[in-house]
PDB file of N, CA and C in Angstrom:
ATOM      1  N   MET A   1      19.133  -4.223  -5.911  1.00  0.00           N
ATOM      2  CA  MET A   1      18.327  -5.504  -6.218  1.00  0.00           C
ATOM      3  C   MET A   1      17.614  -5.297  -7.538  1.00  0.00           C
ATOM      4  N   ASN A   2      17.730  -6.267  -8.414  1.00  0.00           N
ATOM      5  CA  ASN A   2      16.982  -6.303  -9.602  1.00  0.00           C
ATOM      6  C   ASN A   2      15.747  -7.108  -9.541  1.00  0.00           C
ATOM      7  N   LEU A   3      14.736  -6.625 -10.220  1.00  0.00           N
ATOM      8  CA  LEU A   3      13.511  -7.395 -10.323  1.00  0.00           C
ATOM      9  C   LEU A   3      13.625  -8.407 -11.415  1.00  0.00           C
ATOM     10  N   PRO A   4      12.925  -9.554 -11.406  1.00  0.00           N
ATOM     11  CA  PRO A   4      13.011 -10.516 -12.532  1.00  0.00           C
ATOM     12  C   PRO A   4      12.573  -9.918 -13.816  1.00  0.00           C
ATOM     13  N   VAL A   5      13.112 -10.365 -14.846  1.00  0.00           N
ATOM     14  CA  VAL A   5      12.985  -9.744 -16.259  1.00  0.00           C
ATOM     15  C   VAL A   5      11.524  -9.815 -16.602  1.00  0.00           C
ATOM     16  N   PHE A   6      10.690 -10.771 -16.152  1.00  0.00           N
ATOM     17  CA  PHE A   6       9.302 -10.819 -16.552  1.00  0.00           C
ATOM     18  C   PHE A   6       8.529  -9.644 -16.071  1.00  0.00           C
ATOM     19  N   PHE A   7       9.029  -8.855 -15.084  1.00  0.00           N
ATOM     20  CA  PHE A   7       8.314  -7.690 -14.578  1.00  0.00           C
ATOM     21  C   PHE A   7       8.225  -6.671 -15.714  1.00  0.00           C
ATOM     22  N   ASP A   8       9.222  -6.691 -16.662  1.00  0.00           N
ATOM     23  CA  ASP A   8       9.180  -5.681 -17.755  1.00  0.00           C
ATOM     24  C   ASP A   8       7.963  -5.851 -18.644  1.00  0.00           C
ATOM     25  N   ALA A   9       7.314  -6.943 -18.594  1.00  0.00           N
ATOM     26  CA  ALA A   9       6.023  -7.172 -19.315  1.00  0.00           C
ATOM     27  C   ALA A   9       4.896  -6.625 -18.622  1.00  0.00           C
ATOM     28  N   MET A  10       4.988  -6.265 -17.357  1.00  0.00           N
ATOM     29  CA  MET A  10       3.850  -5.678 -16.583  1.00  0.00           C
ATOM     30  C   MET A  10       3.707  -4.184 -16.997  1.00  0.00           C
ATOM     31  N   PRO A  11       2.467  -3.787 -16.910  1.00  0.00           N
ATOM     32  CA  PRO A  11       2.266  -2.312 -17.341  1.00  0.00           C
ATOM     33  C   PRO A  11       2.933  -1.385 -16.285  1.00  0.00           C
ATOM     34  N   ALA A  12       3.264  -0.205 -16.801  1.00  0.00           N
ATOM     35  CA  ALA A  12       3.724   0.880 -15.920  1.00  0.00           C
ATOM     36  C   ALA A  12       2.529   1.651 -15.487  1.00  0.00           C
ATOM     37  N   LEU A  13       2.642   2.438 -14.455  1.00  0.00           N
ATOM     38  CA  LEU A  13       1.577   3.387 -13.977  1.00  0.00           C
ATOM     39  C   LEU A  13       1.908   4.757 -14.435  1.00  0.00           C
ATOM     40  N   ASP A  14       0.749   5.507 -14.631  1.00  0.00           N
ATOM     41  CA  ASP A  14       0.830   6.923 -15.005  1.00  0.00           C
ATOM     42  C   ASP A  14       0.897   7.667 -13.738  1.00  0.00           C
ATOM     43  N   VAL A  15       2.143   7.926 -13.189  1.00  0.00           N
ATOM     44  CA  VAL A  15       2.312   8.638 -11.996  1.00  0.00           C
ATOM     45  C   VAL A  15       2.828  10.035 -12.229  1.00  0.00           C
ATOM     46  N   PRO A  16       2.582  10.965 -11.328  1.00  0.00           N
ATOM     47  CA  PRO A  16       2.972  12.352 -11.657  1.00  0.00           C
ATOM     48  C   PRO A  16       4.452  12.643 -11.287  1.00  0.00           C
ATOM     49  N   PHE A  17       5.305  11.733 -11.606  1.00  0.00           N
ATOM     50  CA  PHE A  17       6.709  11.831 -11.301  1.00  0.00           C
ATOM     51  C   PHE A  17       7.487  11.455 -12.515  1.00  0.00           C
ATOM     52  N   PRO A  18       8.644  12.149 -12.885  1.00  0.00           N
ATOM     53  CA  PRO A  18       9.373  11.798 -14.099  1.00  0.00           C
ATOM     54  C   PRO A  18       9.948  10.361 -13.954  1.00  0.00           C
ATOM     55  N   GLU A  19      10.146   9.685 -15.097  1.00  0.00           N
ATOM     56  CA  GLU A  19      10.750   8.334 -15.151  1.00  0.00           C
ATOM     57  C   GLU A  19      12.208   8.323 -14.719  1.00  0.00           C
ATOM     58  N   ASP A  20      12.897   9.452 -14.811  1.00  0.00           N
ATOM     59  CA  ASP A  20      14.308   9.428 -14.296  1.00  0.00           C
ATOM     60  C   ASP A  20      14.326   9.425 -12.828  1.00  0.00           C
ATOM     61  N   VAL A  21      13.175   9.709 -12.124  1.00  0.00           N
ATOM     62  CA  VAL A  21      13.053   9.727 -10.612  1.00  0.00           C
ATOM     63  C   VAL A  21      12.563   8.440 -10.204  1.00  0.00           C
ATOM     64  N   VAL A  22      11.515   7.864 -10.860  1.00  0.00           N
ATOM     65  CA  VAL A  22      10.788   6.600 -10.389  1.00  0.00           C
ATOM     66  C   VAL A  22      10.234   5.934 -11.549  1.00  0.00           C
ATOM     67  N   THR A  23      10.488   4.594 -11.574  1.00  0.00           N
ATOM     68  CA  THR A  23       9.851   3.714 -12.567  1.00  0.00           C
ATOM     69  C   THR A  23       8.860   2.754 -11.856  1.00  0.00           C
ATOM     70  N   THR A  24       7.982   2.243 -12.618  1.00  0.00           N
ATOM     71  CA  THR A  24       6.833   1.403 -11.924  1.00  0.00           C
ATOM     72  C   THR A  24       6.556   0.157 -12.799  1.00  0.00           C
ATOM     73  N   HIS A  25       6.043  -0.797 -12.152  1.00  0.00           N
ATOM     74  CA  HIS A  25       5.420  -2.006 -12.666  1.00  0.00           C
ATOM     75  C   HIS A  25       4.142  -2.241 -11.830  1.00  0.00           C
ATOM     76  N   ALA A  26       3.091  -2.736 -12.481  1.00  0.00           N
ATOM     77  CA  ALA A  26       1.708  -2.857 -11.658  1.00  0.00           C
ATOM     78  C   ALA A  26       0.996  -4.135 -12.113  1.00  0.00           C
ATOM     79  N   ILE A  27       0.227  -4.538 -11.157  1.00  0.00           N
ATOM     80  CA  ILE A  27      -0.783  -5.519 -11.348  1.00  0.00           C
ATOM     81  C   ILE A  27      -2.070  -4.910 -10.856  1.00  0.00           C
ATOM     82  N   ALA A  28      -3.073  -4.836 -11.715  1.00  0.00           N
ATOM     83  CA  ALA A  28      -4.287  -4.186 -11.428  1.00  0.00           C
ATOM     84  C   ALA A  28      -5.409  -5.232 -11.361  1.00  0.00           C
ATOM     85  N   ALA A  29      -6.359  -5.033 -10.444  1.00  0.00           N
ATOM     86  CA  ALA A  29      -7.539  -5.837 -10.231  1.00  0.00           C
ATOM     87  C   ALA A  29      -8.725  -4.977  -9.842  1.00  0.00           C
ATOM     88  N   ASP A  30      -9.896  -5.513  -9.888  1.00  0.00           N
ATOM     89  CA  ASP A  30     -11.035  -4.686  -9.441  1.00  0.00           C
ATOM     90  C   ASP A  30     -10.913  -4.336  -7.972  1.00  0.00           C
ATOM     91  N   ALA A  31     -10.294  -5.282  -7.190  1.00  0.00           N
ATOM     92  CA  ALA A  31     -10.256  -5.122  -5.714  1.00  0.00           C
ATOM     93  C   ALA A  31      -9.100  -4.191  -5.280  1.00  0.00           C
ATOM     94  N   GLY A  32      -8.143  -3.806  -6.159  1.00  0.00           N
ATOM     95  CA  GLY A  32      -7.054  -2.959  -5.756  1.00  0.00           C
ATOM     96  C   GLY A  32      -5.934  -2.991  -6.757  1.00  0.00           C
ATOM     97  N   LEU A  33      -4.797  -2.377  -6.346  1.00  0.00           N
ATOM     98  CA  LEU A  33      -3.686  -2.074  -7.257  1.00  0.00           C
ATOM     99  C   LEU A  33      -2.413  -2.532  -6.490  1.00  0.00           C
ATOM    100  N   VAL A  34      -1.592  -3.333  -7.129  1.00  0.00           N
ATOM    101  CA  VAL A  34      -0.269  -3.698  -6.608  1.00  0.00           C
ATOM    102  C   VAL A  34       0.769  -3.004  -7.498  1.00  0.00           C
ATOM    103  N   ALA A  35       1.638  -2.232  -6.861  1.00  0.00           N
ATOM    104  CA  ALA A  35       2.545  -1.452  -7.598  1.00  0.00           C
ATOM    105  C   ALA A  35       3.979  -1.711  -7.035  1.00  0.00           C
ATOM    106  N   PHE A  36       4.896  -1.748  -7.980  1.00  0.00           N
ATOM    107  CA  PHE A  36       6.285  -1.827  -7.601  1.00  0.00           C
ATOM    108  C   PHE A  36       6.942  -0.560  -7.999  1.00  0.00           C
ATOM    109  N   PHE A  37       7.528   0.206  -7.060  1.00  0.00           N
ATOM    110  CA  PHE A  37       8.164   1.522  -7.400  1.00  0.00           C
ATOM    111  C   PHE A  37       9.708   1.403  -7.193  1.00  0.00           C
ATOM    112  N   ARG A  38      10.453   1.799  -8.179  1.00  0.00           N
ATOM    113  CA  ARG A  38      11.881   1.831  -8.046  1.00  0.00           C
ATOM    114  C   ARG A  38      12.319   3.312  -8.190  1.00  0.00           C
ATOM    115  N   PHE A  39      12.939   3.799  -7.103  1.00  0.00           N
ATOM    116  CA  PHE A  39      13.449   5.207  -7.058  1.00  0.00           C
ATOM    117  C   PHE A  39      14.835   5.311  -7.558  1.00  0.00           C
ATOM    118  N   HIS A  40      15.071   6.134  -8.664  1.00  0.00           N
ATOM    119  CA  HIS A  40      16.314   6.225  -9.185  1.00  0.00           C
ATOM    120  C   HIS A  40      17.037   7.484  -8.607  1.00  0.00           C
ATOM    121  N   GLN A  41      16.326   8.447  -7.983  1.00  0.00           N
ATOM    122  CA  GLN A  41      16.861   9.643  -7.402  1.00  0.00           C
ATOM    123  C   GLN A  41      16.171   9.846  -6.032  1.00  0.00           C
ATOM    124  N   ASP A  42      16.864  10.549  -5.142  1.00  0.00           N
ATOM    125  CA  ASP A  42      16.134  10.966  -3.935  1.00  0.00           C
ATOM    126  C   ASP A  42      14.944  11.671  -4.267  1.00  0.00           C
ATOM    127  N   MET A  43      13.814  11.464  -3.443  1.00  0.00           N
ATOM    128  CA  MET A  43      12.524  12.111  -3.831  1.00  0.00           C
ATOM    129  C   MET A  43      11.861  12.549  -2.528  1.00  0.00           C
ATOM    130  N   ASP A  44      11.261  13.690  -2.510  1.00  0.00           N
ATOM    131  CA  ASP A  44      10.427  14.147  -1.450  1.00  0.00           C
ATOM    132  C   ASP A  44       8.963  14.015  -1.840  1.00  0.00           C
ATOM    133  N   LEU A  45       8.200  13.150  -1.269  1.00  0.00           N
ATOM    134  CA  LEU A  45       6.839  12.922  -1.583  1.00  0.00           C
ATOM    135  C   LEU A  45       5.958  13.932  -0.738  1.00  0.00           C
ATOM    136  N   PRO A  46       5.256  14.848  -1.369  1.00  0.00           N
ATOM    137  CA  PRO A  46       4.551  15.820  -0.515  1.00  0.00           C
ATOM    138  C   PRO A  46       3.397  15.237   0.210  1.00  0.00           C
ATOM    139  N   SER A  47       2.942  15.876   1.215  1.00  0.00           N
ATOM    140  CA  SER A  47       1.868  15.439   2.083  1.00  0.00           C
ATOM    141  C   SER A  47       0.655  15.243   1.210  1.00  0.00           C
ATOM    142  N   HIS A  48      -0.050  14.225   1.410  1.00  0.00           N
ATOM    143  CA  HIS A  48      -1.362  13.883   0.765  1.00  0.00           C
ATOM    144  C   HIS A  48      -2.077  12.766   1.476  1.00  0.00           C
ATOM    145  N   ALA A  49      -3.273  12.516   1.002  1.00  0.00           N
ATOM    146  CA  ALA A  49      -4.120  11.443   1.662  1.00  0.00           C
ATOM    147  C   ALA A  49      -4.900  10.759   0.470  1.00  0.00           C
ATOM    148  N   HIS A  50      -5.315   9.534   0.685  1.00  0.00           N
ATOM    149  CA  HIS A  50      -6.137   8.789  -0.260  1.00  0.00           C
ATOM    150  C   HIS A  50      -6.610   7.548   0.495  1.00  0.00           C
ATOM    151  N   GLY A  51      -7.144   6.552  -0.241  1.00  0.00           N
ATOM    152  CA  GLY A  51      -7.686   5.326   0.354  1.00  0.00           C
ATOM    153  C   GLY A  51      -6.483   4.562   1.019  1.00  0.00           C
ATOM    154  N   SER A  52      -6.858   3.429   1.607  1.00  0.00           N
ATOM    155  CA  SER A  52      -5.949   2.612   2.298  1.00  0.00           C
ATOM    156  C   SER A  52      -4.768   2.095   1.413  1.00  0.00           C
ATOM    157  N   GLN A  53      -3.586   2.054   2.097  1.00  0.00           N
ATOM    158  CA  GLN A  53      -2.322   1.656   1.360  1.00  0.00           C
ATOM    159  C   GLN A  53      -1.572   0.786   2.377  1.00  0.00           C
ATOM    160  N   TRP A  54      -1.013  -0.287   1.885  1.00  0.00           N
ATOM    161  CA  TRP A  54      -0.084  -1.124   2.623  1.00  0.00           C
ATOM    162  C   TRP A  54       1.193  -1.271   1.724  1.00  0.00           C
ATOM    163  N   GLY A  55       2.380  -1.243   2.312  1.00  0.00           N
ATOM    164  CA  GLY A  55       3.552  -1.401   1.563  1.00  0.00           C
ATOM    165  C   GLY A  55       4.654  -2.026   2.323  1.00  0.00           C
ATOM    166  N   THR A  56       5.700  -2.463   1.616  1.00  0.00           N
ATOM    167  CA  THR A  56       6.897  -2.974   2.215  1.00  0.00           C
ATOM    168  C   THR A  56       8.082  -2.581   1.531  1.00  0.00           C
ATOM    169  N   VAL A  57       9.231  -2.271   2.176  1.00  0.00           N
ATOM    170  CA  VAL A  57      10.499  -1.901   1.621  1.00  0.00           C
ATOM    171  C   VAL A  57      11.203  -3.143   1.171  1.00  0.00           C
ATOM    172  N   ILE A  58      11.622  -3.230  -0.077  1.00  0.00           N
ATOM    173  CA  ILE A  58      12.447  -4.378  -0.475  1.00  0.00           C
ATOM    174  C   ILE A  58      13.857  -4.024  -0.444  1.00  0.00           C
ATOM    175  N   ALA A  59      14.237  -2.778  -0.848  1.00  0.00           N
ATOM    176  CA  ALA A  59      15.560  -2.314  -0.806  1.00  0.00           C
ATOM    177  C   ALA A  59      15.597  -0.839  -0.537  1.00  0.00           C
ATOM    178  N   GLY A  60      16.564  -0.257   0.098  1.00  0.00           N
ATOM    179  CA  GLY A  60      16.659   1.146   0.240  1.00  0.00           C
ATOM    180  C   GLY A  60      16.113   1.654   1.533  1.00  0.00           C
ATOM    181  N   GLU A  61      15.527   2.890   1.595  1.00  0.00           N
ATOM    182  CA  GLU A  61      15.125   3.523   2.858  1.00  0.00           C
ATOM    183  C   GLU A  61      14.096   4.514   2.552  1.00  0.00           C
ATOM    184  N   ILE A  62      13.038   4.578   3.352  1.00  0.00           N
ATOM    185  CA  ILE A  62      12.053   5.619   3.259  1.00  0.00           C
ATOM    186  C   ILE A  62      11.795   6.241   4.689  1.00  0.00           C
ATOM    187  N   VAL A  63      11.792   7.455   4.780  1.00  0.00           N
ATOM    188  CA  VAL A  63      11.399   8.139   5.937  1.00  0.00           C
ATOM    189  C   VAL A  63      10.018   8.709   5.878  1.00  0.00           C
ATOM    190  N   PHE A  64       9.065   8.027   6.414  1.00  0.00           N
ATOM    191  CA  PHE A  64       7.673   8.288   6.319  1.00  0.00           C
ATOM    192  C   PHE A  64       7.143   9.085   7.472  1.00  0.00           C
ATOM    193  N   THR A  65       6.329  10.057   7.240  1.00  0.00           N
ATOM    194  CA  THR A  65       5.484  10.626   8.293  1.00  0.00           C
ATOM    195  C   THR A  65       4.104  10.293   8.008  1.00  0.00           C
ATOM    196  N   ILE A  66       3.429   9.500   8.820  1.00  0.00           N
ATOM    197  CA  ILE A  66       2.067   8.925   8.728  1.00  0.00           C
ATOM    198  C   ILE A  66       1.278   9.486   9.919  1.00  0.00           C
ATOM    199  N   GLY A  67       0.313  10.239   9.572  1.00  0.00           N
ATOM    200  CA  GLY A  67      -0.523  10.813  10.712  1.00  0.00           C
ATOM    201  C   GLY A  67       0.289  11.460  11.710  1.00  0.00           C
ATOM    202  N   GLY A  68       1.300  12.205  11.332  1.00  0.00           N
ATOM    203  CA  GLY A  68       2.136  12.959  12.234  1.00  0.00           C
ATOM    204  C   GLY A  68       3.183  12.195  12.952  1.00  0.00           C
ATOM    205  N   GLU A  69       3.335  10.893  12.710  1.00  0.00           N
ATOM    206  CA  GLU A  69       4.373  10.061  13.310  1.00  0.00           C
ATOM    207  C   GLU A  69       5.453   9.788  12.261  1.00  0.00           C
ATOM    208  N   THR A  70       6.754  10.110  12.553  1.00  0.00           N
ATOM    209  CA  THR A  70       7.775   9.866  11.646  1.00  0.00           C
ATOM    210  C   THR A  70       8.592   8.641  11.998  1.00  0.00           C
ATOM    211  N   ARG A  71       8.924   7.744  10.964  1.00  0.00           N
ATOM    212  CA  ARG A  71       9.564   6.589  11.248  1.00  0.00           C
ATOM    213  C   ARG A  71      10.417   6.220   9.970  1.00  0.00           C
ATOM    214  N   THR A  72      11.579   5.588  10.134  1.00  0.00           N
ATOM    215  CA  THR A  72      12.357   5.163   9.030  1.00  0.00           C
ATOM    216  C   THR A  72      12.155   3.648   8.757  1.00  0.00           C
ATOM    217  N   TYR A  73      11.867   3.404   7.442  1.00  0.00           N
ATOM    218  CA  TYR A  73      11.541   2.089   7.070  1.00  0.00           C
ATOM    219  C   TYR A  73      12.748   1.498   6.095  1.00  0.00           C
ATOM    220  N   ARG A  74      13.241   0.299   6.396  1.00  0.00           N
ATOM    221  CA  ARG A  74      14.326  -0.210   5.712  1.00  0.00           C
ATOM    222  C   ARG A  74      13.862  -1.682   5.179  1.00  0.00           C
ATOM    223  N   PRO A  75      14.650  -2.224   4.442  1.00  0.00           N
ATOM    224  CA  PRO A  75      14.319  -3.651   3.845  1.00  0.00           C
ATOM    225  C   PRO A  75      13.606  -4.564   4.827  1.00  0.00           C
ATOM    226  N   GLY A  76      12.474  -5.028   4.517  1.00  0.00           N
ATOM    227  CA  GLY A  76      11.701  -5.986   5.311  1.00  0.00           C
ATOM    228  C   GLY A  76      10.719  -5.207   6.190  1.00  0.00           C
ATOM    229  N   ASP A  77      10.760  -3.932   6.325  1.00  0.00           N
ATOM    230  CA  ASP A  77       9.792  -3.215   7.074  1.00  0.00           C
ATOM    231  C   ASP A  77       8.548  -2.919   6.266  1.00  0.00           C
ATOM    232  N   SER A  78       7.376  -3.014   6.849  1.00  0.00           N
ATOM    233  CA  SER A  78       6.108  -2.731   6.195  1.00  0.00           C
ATOM    234  C   SER A  78       5.424  -1.599   6.871  1.00  0.00           C
ATOM    235  N   TYR A  79       4.587  -0.919   6.129  1.00  0.00           N
ATOM    236  CA  TYR A  79       3.794   0.248   6.643  1.00  0.00           C
ATOM    237  C   TYR A  79       2.349   0.077   6.173  1.00  0.00           C
ATOM    238  N   ASP A  80       1.409   0.649   7.058  1.00  0.00           N
ATOM    239  CA  ASP A  80       0.112   0.535   6.785  1.00  0.00           C
ATOM    240  C   ASP A  80      -0.475   2.068   6.958  1.00  0.00           C
ATOM    241  N   ILE A  81      -1.116   2.569   5.873  1.00  0.00           N
ATOM    242  CA  ILE A  81      -1.615   3.885   5.929  1.00  0.00           C
ATOM    243  C   ILE A  81      -3.167   3.743   5.759  1.00  0.00           C
ATOM    244  N   PRO A  82      -3.886   4.066   6.870  1.00  0.00           N
ATOM    245  CA  PRO A  82      -5.283   3.980   6.762  1.00  0.00           C
ATOM    246  C   PRO A  82      -5.930   5.019   5.844  1.00  0.00           C
ATOM    247  N   ALA A  83      -7.061   4.778   5.241  1.00  0.00           N
ATOM    248  CA  ALA A  83      -7.766   5.713   4.444  1.00  0.00           C
ATOM    249  C   ALA A  83      -7.838   7.020   5.062  1.00  0.00           C
ATOM    250  N   GLY A  84      -7.571   8.112   4.244  1.00  0.00           N
ATOM    251  CA  GLY A  84      -7.735   9.478   4.640  1.00  0.00           C
ATOM    252  C   GLY A  84      -6.730  10.063   5.545  1.00  0.00           C
ATOM    253  N   VAL A  85      -5.683   9.200   5.866  1.00  0.00           N
ATOM    254  CA  VAL A  85      -4.638   9.767   6.807  1.00  0.00           C
ATOM    255  C   VAL A  85      -3.517  10.395   6.006  1.00  0.00           C
ATOM    256  N   GLU A  86      -3.205  11.680   6.267  1.00  0.00           N
ATOM    257  CA  GLU A  86      -2.215  12.441   5.654  1.00  0.00           C
ATOM    258  C   GLU A  86      -0.814  11.794   5.836  1.00  0.00           C
ATOM    259  N   HIS A  87      -0.028  11.763   4.877  1.00  0.00           N
ATOM    260  CA  HIS A  87       1.368  11.227   4.945  1.00  0.00           C
ATOM    261  C   HIS A  87       2.251  11.896   3.891  1.00  0.00           C
ATOM    262  N   ASN A  88       3.634  11.787   4.194  1.00  0.00           N
ATOM    263  CA  ASN A  88       4.620  12.332   3.202  1.00  0.00           C
ATOM    264  C   ASN A  88       5.829  11.446   3.538  1.00  0.00           C
ATOM    265  N   ALA A  89       6.749  11.557   2.572  1.00  0.00           N
ATOM    266  CA  ALA A  89       8.037  10.724   2.713  1.00  0.00           C
ATOM    267  C   ALA A  89       9.184  11.379   2.133  1.00  0.00           C
ATOM    268  N   ARG A  90      10.329  10.936   2.541  1.00  0.00           N
ATOM    269  CA  ARG A  90      11.592  11.163   1.948  1.00  0.00           C
ATOM    270  C   ARG A  90      12.143   9.832   1.536  1.00  0.00           C
ATOM    271  N   ILE A  91      12.341   9.704   0.195  1.00  0.00           N
ATOM    272  CA  ILE A  91      12.692   8.336  -0.349  1.00  0.00           C
ATOM    273  C   ILE A  91      14.098   8.437  -0.941  1.00  0.00           C
ATOM    274  N   ARG A  92      14.974   7.510  -0.501  1.00  0.00           N
ATOM    275  CA  ARG A  92      16.319   7.586  -1.005  1.00  0.00           C
ATOM    276  C   ARG A  92      16.462   6.908  -2.377  1.00  0.00           C
ATOM    277  N   ALA A  93      17.352   7.358  -3.160  1.00  0.00           N
ATOM    278  CA  ALA A  93      17.759   6.686  -4.455  1.00  0.00           C
ATOM    279  C   ALA A  93      18.006   5.314  -4.225  1.00  0.00           C
ATOM    280  N   GLY A  94      17.653   4.408  -5.046  1.00  0.00           N
ATOM    281  CA  GLY A  94      17.936   3.011  -4.919  1.00  0.00           C
ATOM    282  C   GLY A  94      16.861   2.210  -4.195  1.00  0.00           C
ATOM    283  N   THR A  95      15.851   2.966  -3.640  1.00  0.00           N
ATOM    284  CA  THR A  95      14.768   2.284  -2.998  1.00  0.00           C
ATOM    285  C   THR A  95      13.860   1.536  -3.939  1.00  0.00           C
ATOM    286  N   LEU A  96      13.457   0.282  -3.428  1.00  0.00           N
ATOM    287  CA  LEU A  96      12.426  -0.479  -4.192  1.00  0.00           C
ATOM    288  C   LEU A  96      11.381  -0.844  -3.177  1.00  0.00           C
ATOM    289  N   VAL A  97      10.113  -0.590  -3.491  1.00  0.00           N
ATOM    290  CA  VAL A  97       8.986  -0.898  -2.627  1.00  0.00           C
ATOM    291  C   VAL A  97       7.871  -1.578  -3.407  1.00  0.00           C
ATOM    292  N   VAL A  98       7.127  -2.285  -2.688  1.00  0.00           N
ATOM    293  CA  VAL A  98       5.893  -2.818  -3.290  1.00  0.00           C
ATOM    294  C   VAL A  98       4.735  -2.155  -2.458  1.00  0.00           C
ATOM    295  N   ASP A  99       3.742  -1.505  -3.090  1.00  0.00           N
ATOM    296  CA  ASP A  99       2.599  -0.860  -2.418  1.00  0.00           C
ATOM    297  C   ASP A  99       1.359  -1.604  -2.934  1.00  0.00           C
ATOM    298  N   VAL A 100       0.438  -1.797  -1.989  1.00  0.00           N
ATOM    299  CA  VAL A 100      -0.857  -2.292  -2.418  1.00  0.00           C
ATOM    300  C   VAL A 100      -1.885  -1.223  -1.945  1.00  0.00           C
ATOM    301  N   PHE A 101      -2.616  -0.759  -2.889  1.00  0.00           N
ATOM    302  CA  PHE A 101      -3.720   0.308  -2.740  1.00  0.00           C
ATOM    303  C   PHE A 101      -5.016  -0.362  -2.834  1.00  0.00           C
ATOM    304  N   ALA A 102      -5.916  -0.003  -1.801  1.00  0.00           N
ATOM    305  CA  ALA A 102      -7.297  -0.439  -1.885  1.00  0.00           C
ATOM    306  C   ALA A 102      -8.023   0.159  -2.985  1.00  0.00           C
ATOM    307  N   GLU A 103      -7.579   1.299  -3.524  1.00  0.00           N
ATOM    308  CA  GLU A 103      -8.259   1.975  -4.640  1.00  0.00           C
ATOM    309  C   GLU A 103      -7.702   1.340  -5.915  1.00  0.00           C
ATOM    310  N   ALA A 104      -8.501   0.635  -6.640  1.00  0.00           N
ATOM    311  CA  ALA A 104      -8.009  -0.039  -7.866  1.00  0.00           C
ATOM    312  C   ALA A 104      -7.589   1.076  -8.936  1.00  0.00           C
ATOM    313  N   ASP A 105      -8.094   2.285  -8.823  1.00  0.00           N
ATOM    314  CA  ASP A 105      -7.785   3.319  -9.825  1.00  0.00           C
ATOM    315  C   ASP A 105      -6.853   4.392  -9.202  1.00  0.00           C
ATOM    316  N   ARG A 106      -6.030   4.006  -8.192  1.00  0.00           N
ATOM    317  CA  ARG A 106      -5.200   5.029  -7.408  1.00  0.00           C
ATOM    318  C   ARG A 106      -4.255   5.718  -8.512  1.00  0.00           C
ATOM    319  N   TYR A 107      -3.757   4.953  -9.374  1.00  0.00           N
ATOM    320  CA  TYR A 107      -2.892   5.421 -10.503  1.00  0.00           C
ATOM    321  C   TYR A 107      -3.430   4.668 -11.732  1.00  0.00           C
ATOM    322  N   PRO A 108      -3.673   5.339 -12.852  1.00  0.00           N
ATOM    323  CA  PRO A 108      -4.049   4.648 -14.009  1.00  0.00           C
ATOM    324  C   PRO A 108      -2.818   3.850 -14.584  1.00  0.00           C
ATOM    325  N   LEU A 109      -3.143   2.844 -15.388  1.00  0.00           N
ATOM    326  CA  LEU A 109      -2.041   2.135 -16.066  1.00  0.00           C
ATOM    327  C   LEU A 109      -1.646   3.006 -17.322  1.00  0.00           C
ATOM    328  N   LYS A 110      -0.444   2.941 -17.644  1.00  0.00           N
ATOM    329  CA  LYS A 110       0.006   3.660 -18.937  1.00  0.00           C
ATOM    330  C   LYS A 110      -0.466   2.896 -20.098  1.00  0.00           C
ATOM    331  N   ALA A 111      -0.831   3.650 -21.133  1.00  0.00           N
ATOM    332  CA  ALA A 111      -1.203   3.074 -22.356  1.00  0.00           C
ATOM    333  C   ALA A 111       0.071   2.425 -22.944  1.00  0.00           C
ATOM    334  N   ARG A 112      -0.179   1.285 -23.630  1.00  0.00           N
ATOM    335  CA  ARG A 112       0.969   0.586 -24.192  1.00  0.00           C
ATOM    336  C   ARG A 112       1.074   1.048 -25.684  1.00  0.00           C
TER     337      ARG A 112
END
């Protein structure tokens, strides 16, 4: 699935992953951060925790372990990660997700 061309004008995020693995587009506000992640290669996201996060899979597949419970998420599935809950994931190449973070500064915007 391709995102509309106007997404290219949205800023990218400064994430700790190489751009050949994942690319991003974001909308930032004082109240939170909306991020679109496109995974170009399979990726293992190590266990971590942060503020509240909600997301939905647009394309592809993620196997998430959230608070010790493992579940596979596919297009149309949403997940809710409460603040402070440890989670990790196995994300397949070709996956596209939209994540909304309660922390406006979860990832900084890349300088243009």
